[in-house]
PDB file of all heavy atoms in Angstrom:
ATOM      1  N   TRP A   1     -15.114  47.653  71.039  1.00  0.00           N
ATOM      2  CA  TRP A   1     -14.351  47.681  69.801  1.00  0.00           C
ATOM      3  C   TRP A   1     -14.361  46.304  69.140  1.00  0.00           C
ATOM      4  O   TRP A   1     -14.220  45.276  69.829  1.00  0.00           O
ATOM      5  CB  TRP A   1     -12.915  48.110  70.069  1.00  0.00           C
ATOM      6  CG  TRP A   1     -12.009  47.920  68.907  1.00  0.00           C
ATOM      7  CD1 TRP A   1     -11.981  48.626  67.738  1.00  0.00           C
ATOM      8  CD2 TRP A   1     -10.998  46.913  68.778  1.00  0.00           C
ATOM      9  NE1 TRP A   1     -11.022  48.140  66.902  1.00  0.00           N
ATOM     10  CE2 TRP A   1     -10.394  47.091  67.522  1.00  0.00           C
ATOM     11  CE3 TRP A   1     -10.537  45.895  69.607  1.00  0.00           C
ATOM     12  CZ2 TRP A   1      -9.362  46.280  67.069  1.00  0.00           C
ATOM     13  CZ3 TRP A   1      -9.510  45.090  69.164  1.00  0.00           C
ATOM     14  CH2 TRP A   1      -8.934  45.287  67.904  1.00  0.00           C
ATOM     15  N   VAL A   2     -14.502  46.263  67.815  1.00  0.00           N
ATOM     16  CA  VAL A   2     -14.578  45.013  67.078  1.00  0.00           C
ATOM     17  C   VAL A   2     -13.374  44.832  66.164  1.00  0.00           C
ATOM     18  O   VAL A   2     -12.708  43.796  66.187  1.00  0.00           O
ATOM     19  CB  VAL A   2     -15.873  44.956  66.238  1.00  0.00           C
ATOM     20  CG1 VAL A   2     -15.907  43.707  65.362  1.00  0.00           C
ATOM     21  CG2 VAL A   2     -17.104  45.015  67.134  1.00  0.00           C
ATOM     22  N   ALA A   3     -13.110  45.832  65.317  1.00  0.00           N
ATOM     23  CA  ALA A   3     -12.035  45.715  64.335  1.00  0.00           C
ATOM     24  C   ALA A   3     -11.635  47.102  63.876  1.00  0.00           C
ATOM     25  O   ALA A   3     -12.411  48.048  63.999  1.00  0.00           O
ATOM     26  CB  ALA A   3     -12.477  44.873  63.147  1.00  0.00           C
ATOM     27  N   ALA A   4     -10.430  47.200  63.340  1.00  0.00           N
ATOM     28  CA  ALA A   4      -9.938  48.483  62.856  1.00  0.00           C
ATOM     29  C   ALA A   4      -9.000  48.265  61.687  1.00  0.00           C
ATOM     30  O   ALA A   4      -8.360  47.215  61.567  1.00  0.00           O
ATOM     31  CB  ALA A   4      -9.238  49.241  63.970  1.00  0.00           C
ATOM     32  N   ILE A   5      -8.939  49.293  60.837  1.00  0.00           N
ATOM     33  CA  ILE A   5      -8.021  49.264  59.700  1.00  0.00           C
ATOM     34  C   ILE A   5      -7.417  50.644  59.573  1.00  0.00           C
ATOM     35  O   ILE A   5      -8.104  51.664  59.621  1.00  0.00           O
ATOM     36  CB  ILE A   5      -8.747  48.829  58.409  1.00  0.00           C
ATOM     37  CG1 ILE A   5      -7.759  48.699  57.247  1.00  0.00           C
ATOM     38  CG2 ILE A   5      -9.889  49.776  58.051  1.00  0.00           C
ATOM     39  CD1 ILE A   5      -8.344  47.963  56.040  1.00  0.00           C
ATOM     40  N   SER A   6      -6.107  50.685  59.431  1.00  0.00           N
ATOM     41  CA  SER A   6      -5.413  51.967  59.385  1.00  0.00           C
ATOM     42  C   SER A   6      -5.450  52.562  57.989  1.00  0.00           C
ATOM     43  O   SER A   6      -5.901  51.951  57.025  1.00  0.00           O
ATOM     44  CB  SER A   6      -3.965  51.761  59.819  1.00  0.00           C
ATOM     45  OG  SER A   6      -3.249  51.084  58.807  1.00  0.00           O
ATOM     46  N   TYR A   7      -4.970  53.789  57.865  1.00  0.00           N
ATOM     47  CA  TYR A   7      -4.633  54.350  56.564  1.00  0.00           C
ATOM     48  C   TYR A   7      -3.466  53.499  56.044  1.00  0.00           C
ATOM     49  O   TYR A   7      -3.023  52.578  56.734  1.00  0.00           O
ATOM     50  CB  TYR A   7      -4.282  55.830  56.683  1.00  0.00           C
ATOM     51  CG  TYR A   7      -3.682  56.215  58.011  1.00  0.00           C
ATOM     52  CD1 TYR A   7      -2.369  55.929  58.315  1.00  0.00           C
ATOM     53  CD2 TYR A   7      -4.456  56.841  58.991  1.00  0.00           C
ATOM     54  CE1 TYR A   7      -1.825  56.253  59.535  1.00  0.00           C
ATOM     55  CE2 TYR A   7      -3.923  57.183  60.218  1.00  0.00           C
ATOM     56  CZ  TYR A   7      -2.600  56.879  60.487  1.00  0.00           C
ATOM     57  OH  TYR A   7      -2.068  57.206  61.712  1.00  0.00           O
ATOM     58  N   ILE A   8      -2.988  53.820  54.838  1.00  0.00           N
ATOM     59  CA  ILE A   8      -1.920  53.014  54.240  1.00  0.00           C
ATOM     60  C   ILE A   8      -0.797  52.796  55.237  1.00  0.00           C
ATOM     61  O   ILE A   8      -0.361  53.770  55.870  1.00  0.00           O
ATOM     62  CB  ILE A   8      -1.393  53.695  52.943  1.00  0.00           C
ATOM     63  CG1 ILE A   8      -2.504  53.678  51.886  1.00  0.00           C
ATOM     64  CG2 ILE A   8      -0.136  53.000  52.427  1.00  0.00           C
ATOM     65  CD1 ILE A   8      -2.165  54.408  50.611  1.00  0.00           C
ATOM     66  N   PRO A   9      -0.378  51.548  55.476  1.00  0.00           N
ATOM     67  CA  PRO A   9      -0.508  50.340  54.671  1.00  0.00           C
ATOM     68  C   PRO A   9      -1.703  49.450  55.010  1.00  0.00           C
ATOM     69  O   PRO A   9      -1.682  48.255  54.737  1.00  0.00           O
ATOM     70  CB  PRO A   9       0.802  49.606  54.986  1.00  0.00           C
ATOM     71  CG  PRO A   9       1.065  49.941  56.402  1.00  0.00           C
ATOM     72  CD  PRO A   9       0.619  51.360  56.563  1.00  0.00           C
ATOM     73  N   HIS A  10      -2.779  50.020  55.589  1.00  0.00           N
ATOM     74  CA  HIS A  10      -3.988  49.256  55.853  1.00  0.00           C
ATOM     75  C   HIS A  10      -3.742  48.106  56.825  1.00  0.00           C
ATOM     76  O   HIS A  10      -4.204  46.985  56.624  1.00  0.00           O
ATOM     77  CB  HIS A  10      -4.604  48.724  54.565  1.00  0.00           C
ATOM     78  CG  HIS A  10      -5.080  49.815  53.658  1.00  0.00           C
ATOM     79  ND1 HIS A  10      -5.455  49.585  52.348  1.00  0.00           N
ATOM     80  CD2 HIS A  10      -5.231  51.141  53.852  1.00  0.00           C
ATOM     81  CE1 HIS A  10      -5.808  50.723  51.798  1.00  0.00           C
ATOM     82  NE2 HIS A  10      -5.671  51.685  52.680  1.00  0.00           N
ATOM     83  N   THR A  11      -3.052  48.412  57.883  1.00  0.00           N
ATOM     84  CA  THR A  11      -2.890  47.461  58.967  1.00  0.00           C
ATOM     85  C   THR A  11      -4.260  47.164  59.577  1.00  0.00           C
ATOM     86  O   THR A  11      -5.063  48.074  59.781  1.00  0.00           O
ATOM     87  CB  THR A  11      -1.979  48.046  60.052  1.00  0.00           C
ATOM     88  OG1 THR A  11      -0.704  48.341  59.468  1.00  0.00           O
ATOM     89  CG2 THR A  11      -1.797  47.071  61.191  1.00  0.00           C
ATOM     90  N   THR A  12      -4.523  45.894  59.871  1.00  0.00           N
ATOM     91  CA  THR A  12      -5.800  45.520  60.477  1.00  0.00           C
ATOM     92  C   THR A  12      -5.586  44.978  61.883  1.00  0.00           C
ATOM     93  O   THR A  12      -4.513  44.470  62.221  1.00  0.00           O
ATOM     94  CB  THR A  12      -6.544  44.473  59.636  1.00  0.00           C
ATOM     95  OG1 THR A  12      -5.710  43.318  59.485  1.00  0.00           O
ATOM     96  CG2 THR A  12      -6.894  45.023  58.267  1.00  0.00           C
ATOM     97  N   ASN A  13      -6.630  45.082  62.670  1.00  0.00           N
ATOM     98  CA  ASN A  13      -6.580  44.640  64.058  1.00  0.00           C
ATOM     99  C   ASN A  13      -7.965  44.168  64.453  1.00  0.00           C
ATOM    100  O   ASN A  13      -8.972  44.776  64.052  1.00  0.00           O
ATOM    101  CB  ASN A  13      -6.130  45.808  64.941  1.00  0.00           C
ATOM    102  CG  ASN A  13      -5.557  45.355  66.254  1.00  0.00           C
ATOM    103  OD1 ASN A  13      -5.409  44.168  66.511  1.00  0.00           O
ATOM    104  ND2 ASN A  13      -5.204  46.310  67.101  1.00  0.00           N
ATOM    105  N   TYR A  14      -8.044  43.099  65.227  1.00  0.00           N
ATOM    106  CA  TYR A  14      -9.340  42.508  65.573  1.00  0.00           C
ATOM    107  C   TYR A  14      -9.421  42.197  67.056  1.00  0.00           C
ATOM    108  O   TYR A  14      -8.428  41.792  67.680  1.00  0.00           O
ATOM    109  CB  TYR A  14      -9.557  41.199  64.800  1.00  0.00           C
ATOM    110  CG  TYR A  14      -9.616  41.370  63.312  1.00  0.00           C
ATOM    111  CD1 TYR A  14      -8.475  41.235  62.534  1.00  0.00           C
ATOM    112  CD2 TYR A  14     -10.820  41.669  62.673  1.00  0.00           C
ATOM    113  CE1 TYR A  14      -8.526  41.397  61.153  1.00  0.00           C
ATOM    114  CE2 TYR A  14     -10.877  41.826  61.293  1.00  0.00           C
ATOM    115  CZ  TYR A  14      -9.721  41.696  60.551  1.00  0.00           C
ATOM    116  OH  TYR A  14      -9.778  41.862  59.183  1.00  0.00           O
ATOM    117  N   ALA A  15     -10.608  42.328  67.580  1.00  0.00           N
ATOM    118  CA  ALA A  15     -10.856  41.856  68.935  1.00  0.00           C
ATOM    119  C   ALA A  15     -10.766  40.339  68.947  1.00  0.00           C
ATOM    120  O   ALA A  15     -11.122  39.675  67.963  1.00  0.00           O
ATOM    121  CB  ALA A  15     -12.244  42.308  69.405  1.00  0.00           C
ATOM    122  N   ASP A  16     -10.314  39.779  70.048  1.00  0.00           N
ATOM    123  CA  ASP A  16     -10.159  38.335  70.144  1.00  0.00           C
ATOM    124  C   ASP A  16     -11.476  37.607  69.875  1.00  0.00           C
ATOM    125  O   ASP A  16     -11.482  36.508  69.316  1.00  0.00           O
ATOM    126  CB  ASP A  16      -9.628  37.959  71.527  1.00  0.00           C
ATOM    127  CG  ASP A  16      -8.164  38.340  71.703  1.00  0.00           C
ATOM    128  OD1 ASP A  16      -7.479  38.567  70.692  1.00  0.00           O
ATOM    129  OD2 ASP A  16      -7.722  38.411  72.867  1.00  0.00           O
ATOM    130  N   SER A  17     -12.573  38.206  70.256  1.00  0.00           N
ATOM    131  CA  SER A  17     -13.872  37.543  70.138  1.00  0.00           C
ATOM    132  C   SER A  17     -14.315  37.359  68.686  1.00  0.00           C
ATOM    133  O   SER A  17     -15.196  36.543  68.401  1.00  0.00           O
ATOM    134  CB  SER A  17     -14.943  38.332  70.895  1.00  0.00           C
ATOM    135  OG  SER A  17     -15.036  39.648  70.373  1.00  0.00           O
ATOM    136  N   VAL A  18     -13.717  38.110  67.760  1.00  0.00           N
ATOM    137  CA  VAL A  18     -14.122  38.011  66.358  1.00  0.00           C
ATOM    138  C   VAL A  18     -12.995  37.580  65.449  1.00  0.00           C
ATOM    139  O   VAL A  18     -13.214  37.348  64.254  1.00  0.00           O
ATOM    140  CB  VAL A  18     -14.709  39.348  65.851  1.00  0.00           C
ATOM    141  CG1 VAL A  18     -15.825  39.829  66.753  1.00  0.00           C
ATOM    142  CG2 VAL A  18     -13.617  40.412  65.718  1.00  0.00           C
ATOM    143  N   LYS A  19     -11.807  37.439  65.991  1.00  0.00           N
ATOM    144  CA  LYS A  19     -10.639  37.092  65.183  1.00  0.00           C
ATOM    145  C   LYS A  19     -10.861  35.744  64.493  1.00  0.00           C
ATOM    146  O   LYS A  19     -11.286  34.779  65.120  1.00  0.00           O
ATOM    147  CB  LYS A  19      -9.402  37.051  66.068  1.00  0.00           C
ATOM    148  CG  LYS A  19      -8.084  37.109  65.328  1.00  0.00           C
ATOM    149  CD  LYS A  19      -6.925  37.270  66.307  1.00  0.00           C
ATOM    150  CE  LYS A  19      -6.969  38.606  67.016  1.00  0.00           C
ATOM    151  NZ  LYS A  19      -5.815  38.799  67.932  1.00  0.00           N
ATOM    152  N   GLY A  20     -10.584  35.707  63.200  1.00  0.00           N
ATOM    153  CA  GLY A  20     -10.796  34.488  62.426  1.00  0.00           C
ATOM    154  C   GLY A  20     -12.187  34.360  61.846  1.00  0.00           C
ATOM    155  O   GLY A  20     -12.425  33.524  60.968  1.00  0.00           O
ATOM    156  N   ARG A  21     -13.129  35.193  62.305  1.00  0.00           N
ATOM    157  CA  ARG A  21     -14.495  35.141  61.787  1.00  0.00           C
ATOM    158  C   ARG A  21     -14.869  36.422  61.032  1.00  0.00           C
ATOM    159  O   ARG A  21     -15.647  36.377  60.088  1.00  0.00           O
ATOM    160  CB  ARG A  21     -15.494  34.941  62.937  1.00  0.00           C
ATOM    161  CG  ARG A  21     -15.294  33.661  63.715  1.00  0.00           C
ATOM    162  CD  ARG A  21     -16.452  33.431  64.706  1.00  0.00           C
ATOM    163  NE  ARG A  21     -16.529  34.483  65.704  1.00  0.00           N
ATOM    164  CZ  ARG A  21     -17.610  35.241  65.898  1.00  0.00           C
ATOM    165  NH1 ARG A  21     -18.682  35.066  65.154  1.00  0.00           N
ATOM    166  NH2 ARG A  21     -17.609  36.166  66.853  1.00  0.00           N
ATOM    167  N   PHE A  22     -14.341  37.544  61.473  1.00  0.00           N
ATOM    168  CA  PHE A  22     -14.668  38.834  60.864  1.00  0.00           C
ATOM    169  C   PHE A  22     -13.464  39.343  60.065  1.00  0.00           C
ATOM    170  O   PHE A  22     -12.309  39.115  60.443  1.00  0.00           O
ATOM    171  CB  PHE A  22     -15.004  39.874  61.927  1.00  0.00           C
ATOM    172  CG  PHE A  22     -16.307  39.655  62.638  1.00  0.00           C
ATOM    173  CD1 PHE A  22     -17.030  38.471  62.520  1.00  0.00           C
ATOM    174  CD2 PHE A  22     -16.832  40.648  63.443  1.00  0.00           C
ATOM    175  CE1 PHE A  22     -18.230  38.271  63.172  1.00  0.00           C
ATOM    176  CE2 PHE A  22     -18.039  40.477  64.107  1.00  0.00           C
ATOM    177  CZ  PHE A  22     -18.732  39.282  63.982  1.00  0.00           C
ATOM    178  N   THR A  23     -13.756  40.060  58.981  1.00  0.00           N
ATOM    179  CA  THR A  23     -12.713  40.663  58.159  1.00  0.00           C
ATOM    180  C   THR A  23     -13.090  42.104  57.857  1.00  0.00           C
ATOM    181  O   THR A  23     -14.173  42.364  57.309  1.00  0.00           O
ATOM    182  CB  THR A  23     -12.530  39.902  56.842  1.00  0.00           C
ATOM    183  OG1 THR A  23     -12.211  38.534  57.117  1.00  0.00           O
ATOM    184  CG2 THR A  23     -11.398  40.517  56.028  1.00  0.00           C
ATOM    185  N   ILE A  24     -12.210  43.009  58.203  1.00  0.00           N
ATOM    186  CA  ILE A  24     -12.428  44.417  57.910  1.00  0.00           C
ATOM    187  C   ILE A  24     -11.651  44.769  56.649  1.00  0.00           C
ATOM    188  O   ILE A  24     -10.532  44.286  56.431  1.00  0.00           O
ATOM    189  CB  ILE A  24     -11.995  45.312  59.093  1.00  0.00           C
ATOM    190  CG1 ILE A  24     -12.410  46.766  58.857  1.00  0.00           C
ATOM    191  CG2 ILE A  24     -10.506  45.196  59.378  1.00  0.00           C
ATOM    192  CD1 ILE A  24     -12.211  47.651  60.078  1.00  0.00           C
ATOM    193  N   SER A  25     -12.254  45.607  55.819  1.00  0.00           N
ATOM    194  CA  SER A  25     -11.589  46.035  54.591  1.00  0.00           C
ATOM    195  C   SER A  25     -12.113  47.415  54.209  1.00  0.00           C
ATOM    196  O   SER A  25     -13.127  47.874  54.740  1.00  0.00           O
ATOM    197  CB  SER A  25     -11.824  45.034  53.458  1.00  0.00           C
ATOM    198  OG  SER A  25     -13.194  44.926  53.146  1.00  0.00           O
ATOM    199  N   ARG A  26     -11.429  48.028  53.280  1.00  0.00           N
ATOM    200  CA  ARG A  26     -11.834  49.353  52.838  1.00  0.00           C
ATOM    201  C   ARG A  26     -11.574  49.503  51.344  1.00  0.00           C
ATOM    202  O   ARG A  26     -10.672  48.872  50.797  1.00  0.00           O
ATOM    203  CB  ARG A  26     -11.100  50.442  53.616  1.00  0.00           C
ATOM    204  CG  ARG A  26      -9.592  50.444  53.440  1.00  0.00           C
ATOM    205  CD  ARG A  26      -8.892  51.311  54.470  1.00  0.00           C
ATOM    206  NE  ARG A  26      -9.296  52.715  54.344  1.00  0.00           N
ATOM    207  CZ  ARG A  26      -9.046  53.638  55.274  1.00  0.00           C
ATOM    208  NH1 ARG A  26      -8.411  53.300  56.371  1.00  0.00           N
ATOM    209  NH2 ARG A  26      -9.425  54.893  55.075  1.00  0.00           N
ATOM    210  N   ASP A  27     -12.366  50.349  50.705  1.00  0.00           N
ATOM    211  CA  ASP A  27     -12.172  50.691  49.308  1.00  0.00           C
ATOM    212  C   ASP A  27     -12.051  52.211  49.255  1.00  0.00           C
ATOM    213  O   ASP A  27     -13.065  52.926  49.312  1.00  0.00           O
ATOM    214  CB  ASP A  27     -13.340  50.198  48.456  1.00  0.00           C
ATOM    215  CG  ASP A  27     -13.127  50.440  46.970  1.00  0.00           C
ATOM    216  OD1 ASP A  27     -12.268  51.264  46.621  1.00  0.00           O
ATOM    217  OD2 ASP A  27     -13.830  49.812  46.169  1.00  0.00           O
ATOM    218  N   ASN A  28     -10.845  52.692  49.175  1.00  0.00           N
ATOM    219  CA  ASN A  28     -10.622  54.130  49.219  1.00  0.00           C
ATOM    220  C   ASN A  28     -11.148  54.841  47.973  1.00  0.00           C
ATOM    221  O   ASN A  28     -11.390  56.049  48.008  1.00  0.00           O
ATOM    222  CB  ASN A  28      -9.134  54.426  49.400  1.00  0.00           C
ATOM    223  CG  ASN A  28      -8.625  54.020  50.766  1.00  0.00           C
ATOM    224  OD1 ASN A  28      -9.389  53.980  51.737  1.00  0.00           O
ATOM    225  ND2 ASN A  28      -7.347  53.699  50.842  1.00  0.00           N
ATOM    226  N   THR A  29     -11.310  54.118  46.879  1.00  0.00           N
ATOM    227  CA  THR A  29     -11.828  54.746  45.661  1.00  0.00           C
ATOM    228  C   THR A  29     -13.318  55.046  45.785  1.00  0.00           C
ATOM    229  O   THR A  29     -13.841  55.885  45.048  1.00  0.00           O
ATOM    230  CB  THR A  29     -11.603  53.851  44.440  1.00  0.00           C
ATOM    231  OG1 THR A  29     -12.396  52.659  44.572  1.00  0.00           O
ATOM    232  CG2 THR A  29     -10.137  53.471  44.305  1.00  0.00           C
ATOM    233  N   LYS A  30     -13.985  54.364  46.721  1.00  0.00           N
ATOM    234  CA  LYS A  30     -15.426  54.538  46.898  1.00  0.00           C
ATOM    235  C   LYS A  30     -15.771  55.118  48.264  1.00  0.00           C
ATOM    236  O   LYS A  30     -16.958  55.234  48.593  1.00  0.00           O
ATOM    237  CB  LYS A  30     -16.141  53.194  46.720  1.00  0.00           C
ATOM    238  CG  LYS A  30     -15.961  52.575  45.339  1.00  0.00           C
ATOM    239  CD  LYS A  30     -16.684  51.237  45.250  1.00  0.00           C
ATOM    240  CE  LYS A  30     -16.506  50.620  43.874  1.00  0.00           C
ATOM    241  NZ  LYS A  30     -17.177  49.304  43.771  1.00  0.00           N
ATOM    242  N   ASN A  31     -14.783  55.447  49.056  1.00  0.00           N
ATOM    243  CA  ASN A  31     -15.023  55.929  50.430  1.00  0.00           C
ATOM    244  C   ASN A  31     -15.862  54.928  51.226  1.00  0.00           C
ATOM    245  O   ASN A  31     -16.795  55.311  51.944  1.00  0.00           O
ATOM    246  CB  ASN A  31     -15.726  57.298  50.421  1.00  0.00           C
ATOM    247  CG  ASN A  31     -14.807  58.421  50.019  1.00  0.00           C
ATOM    248  OD1 ASN A  31     -13.714  58.189  49.496  1.00  0.00           O
ATOM    249  ND2 ASN A  31     -15.232  59.650  50.240  1.00  0.00           N
ATOM    250  N   MET A  32     -15.520  53.666  51.104  1.00  0.00           N
ATOM    251  CA  MET A  32     -16.306  52.610  51.729  1.00  0.00           C
ATOM    252  C   MET A  32     -15.463  51.801  52.709  1.00  0.00           C
ATOM    253  O   MET A  32     -14.276  51.529  52.484  1.00  0.00           O
ATOM    254  CB  MET A  32     -16.872  51.654  50.674  1.00  0.00           C
ATOM    255  CG  MET A  32     -17.917  52.276  49.769  1.00  0.00           C
ATOM    256  SD  MET A  32     -19.453  52.706  50.617  1.00  0.00           S
ATOM    257  CE  MET A  32     -20.027  51.083  51.112  1.00  0.00           C
ATOM    258  N   LEU A  33     -16.116  51.395  53.780  1.00  0.00           N
ATOM    259  CA  LEU A  33     -15.559  50.497  54.784  1.00  0.00           C
ATOM    260  C   LEU A  33     -16.487  49.302  54.875  1.00  0.00           C
ATOM    261  O   LEU A  33     -17.709  49.453  54.787  1.00  0.00           O
ATOM    262  CB  LEU A  33     -15.475  51.193  56.142  1.00  0.00           C
ATOM    263  CG  LEU A  33     -15.017  50.340  57.322  1.00  0.00           C
ATOM    264  CD1 LEU A  33     -13.517  50.039  57.206  1.00  0.00           C
ATOM    265  CD2 LEU A  33     -15.315  51.048  58.634  1.00  0.00           C
ATOM    266  N   TYR A  34     -15.900  48.123  55.070  1.00  0.00           N
ATOM    267  CA  TYR A  34     -16.700  46.904  55.137  1.00  0.00           C
ATOM    268  C   TYR A  34     -16.324  46.082  56.362  1.00  0.00           C
ATOM    269  O   TYR A  34     -15.206  46.167  56.869  1.00  0.00           O
ATOM    270  CB  TYR A  34     -16.476  46.049  53.882  1.00  0.00           C
ATOM    271  CG  TYR A  34     -16.761  46.767  52.591  1.00  0.00           C
ATOM    272  CD1 TYR A  34     -15.732  47.315  51.834  1.00  0.00           C
ATOM    273  CD2 TYR A  34     -18.067  46.907  52.123  1.00  0.00           C
ATOM    274  CE1 TYR A  34     -15.993  47.975  50.648  1.00  0.00           C
ATOM    275  CE2 TYR A  34     -18.324  47.570  50.932  1.00  0.00           C
ATOM    276  CZ  TYR A  34     -17.283  48.105  50.204  1.00  0.00           C
ATOM    277  OH  TYR A  34     -17.547  48.766  49.035  1.00  0.00           O
ATOM    278  N   LEU A  35     -17.292  45.262  56.775  1.00  0.00           N
ATOM    279  CA  LEU A  35     -17.015  44.261  57.803  1.00  0.00           C
ATOM    280  C   LEU A  35     -17.710  42.977  57.370  1.00  0.00           C
ATOM    281  O   LEU A  35     -18.932  42.880  57.411  1.00  0.00           O
ATOM    282  CB  LEU A  35     -17.522  44.699  59.175  1.00  0.00           C
ATOM    283  CG  LEU A  35     -17.164  43.753  60.317  1.00  0.00           C
ATOM    284  CD1 LEU A  35     -15.655  43.754  60.565  1.00  0.00           C
ATOM    285  CD2 LEU A  35     -17.904  44.125  61.611  1.00  0.00           C
ATOM    286  N   ARG A  36     -16.917  42.025  56.936  1.00  0.00           N
ATOM    287  CA  ARG A  36     -17.439  40.723  56.571  1.00  0.00           C
ATOM    288  C   ARG A  36     -17.479  39.861  57.824  1.00  0.00           C
ATOM    289  O   ARG A  36     -16.454  39.635  58.453  1.00  0.00           O
ATOM    290  CB  ARG A  36     -16.552  40.079  55.506  1.00  0.00           C
ATOM    291  CG  ARG A  36     -16.935  38.657  55.119  1.00  0.00           C
ATOM    292  CD  ARG A  36     -18.290  38.585  54.454  1.00  0.00           C
ATOM    293  NE  ARG A  36     -18.586  37.233  53.982  1.00  0.00           N
ATOM    294  CZ  ARG A  36     -19.789  36.840  53.570  1.00  0.00           C
ATOM    295  NH1 ARG A  36     -20.809  37.694  53.576  1.00  0.00           N
ATOM    296  NH2 ARG A  36     -19.962  35.601  53.136  1.00  0.00           N
ATOM    297  N   MET A  37     -18.670  39.387  58.172  1.00  0.00           N
ATOM    298  CA  MET A  37     -18.855  38.604  59.387  1.00  0.00           C
ATOM    299  C   MET A  37     -19.318  37.204  59.003  1.00  0.00           C
ATOM    300  O   MET A  37     -20.346  37.055  58.326  1.00  0.00           O
ATOM    301  CB  MET A  37     -19.900  39.268  60.291  1.00  0.00           C
ATOM    302  CG  MET A  37     -19.585  40.726  60.617  1.00  0.00           C
ATOM    303  SD  MET A  37     -20.761  41.476  61.743  1.00  0.00           S
ATOM    304  CE  MET A  37     -22.223  41.486  60.715  1.00  0.00           C
ATOM    305  N   THR A  38     -18.559  36.225  59.414  1.00  0.00           N
ATOM    306  CA  THR A  38     -18.917  34.835  59.133  1.00  0.00           C
ATOM    307  C   THR A  38     -19.080  34.067  60.432  1.00  0.00           C
ATOM    308  O   THR A  38     -18.646  34.527  61.494  1.00  0.00           O
ATOM    309  CB  THR A  38     -17.846  34.162  58.260  1.00  0.00           C
ATOM    310  OG1 THR A  38     -16.620  34.099  58.982  1.00  0.00           O
ATOM    311  CG2 THR A  38     -17.641  34.924  56.962  1.00  0.00           C
ATOM    312  N   ASP A  39     -19.698  32.889  60.320  1.00  0.00           N
ATOM    313  CA  ASP A  39     -19.932  32.038  61.494  1.00  0.00           C
ATOM    314  C   ASP A  39     -20.484  32.866  62.660  1.00  0.00           C
ATOM    315  O   ASP A  39     -19.975  32.823  63.788  1.00  0.00           O
ATOM    316  CB  ASP A  39     -18.632  31.346  61.900  1.00  0.00           C
ATOM    317  CG  ASP A  39     -18.837  30.276  62.955  1.00  0.00           C
ATOM    318  OD1 ASP A  39     -19.966  29.754  63.072  1.00  0.00           O
ATOM    319  OD2 ASP A  39     -17.872  29.966  63.690  1.00  0.00           O
TER     320      ASP A  39
END
């Protein structure tokens, strides 16, 4: 497991190994999920 985002209120959760480097987000208007990975 890497990251997760809930339905509203869009609570996010990250594995320790990626915390601070990865960002999970979603666009419900487009049925899209994203994972921004840095460093």
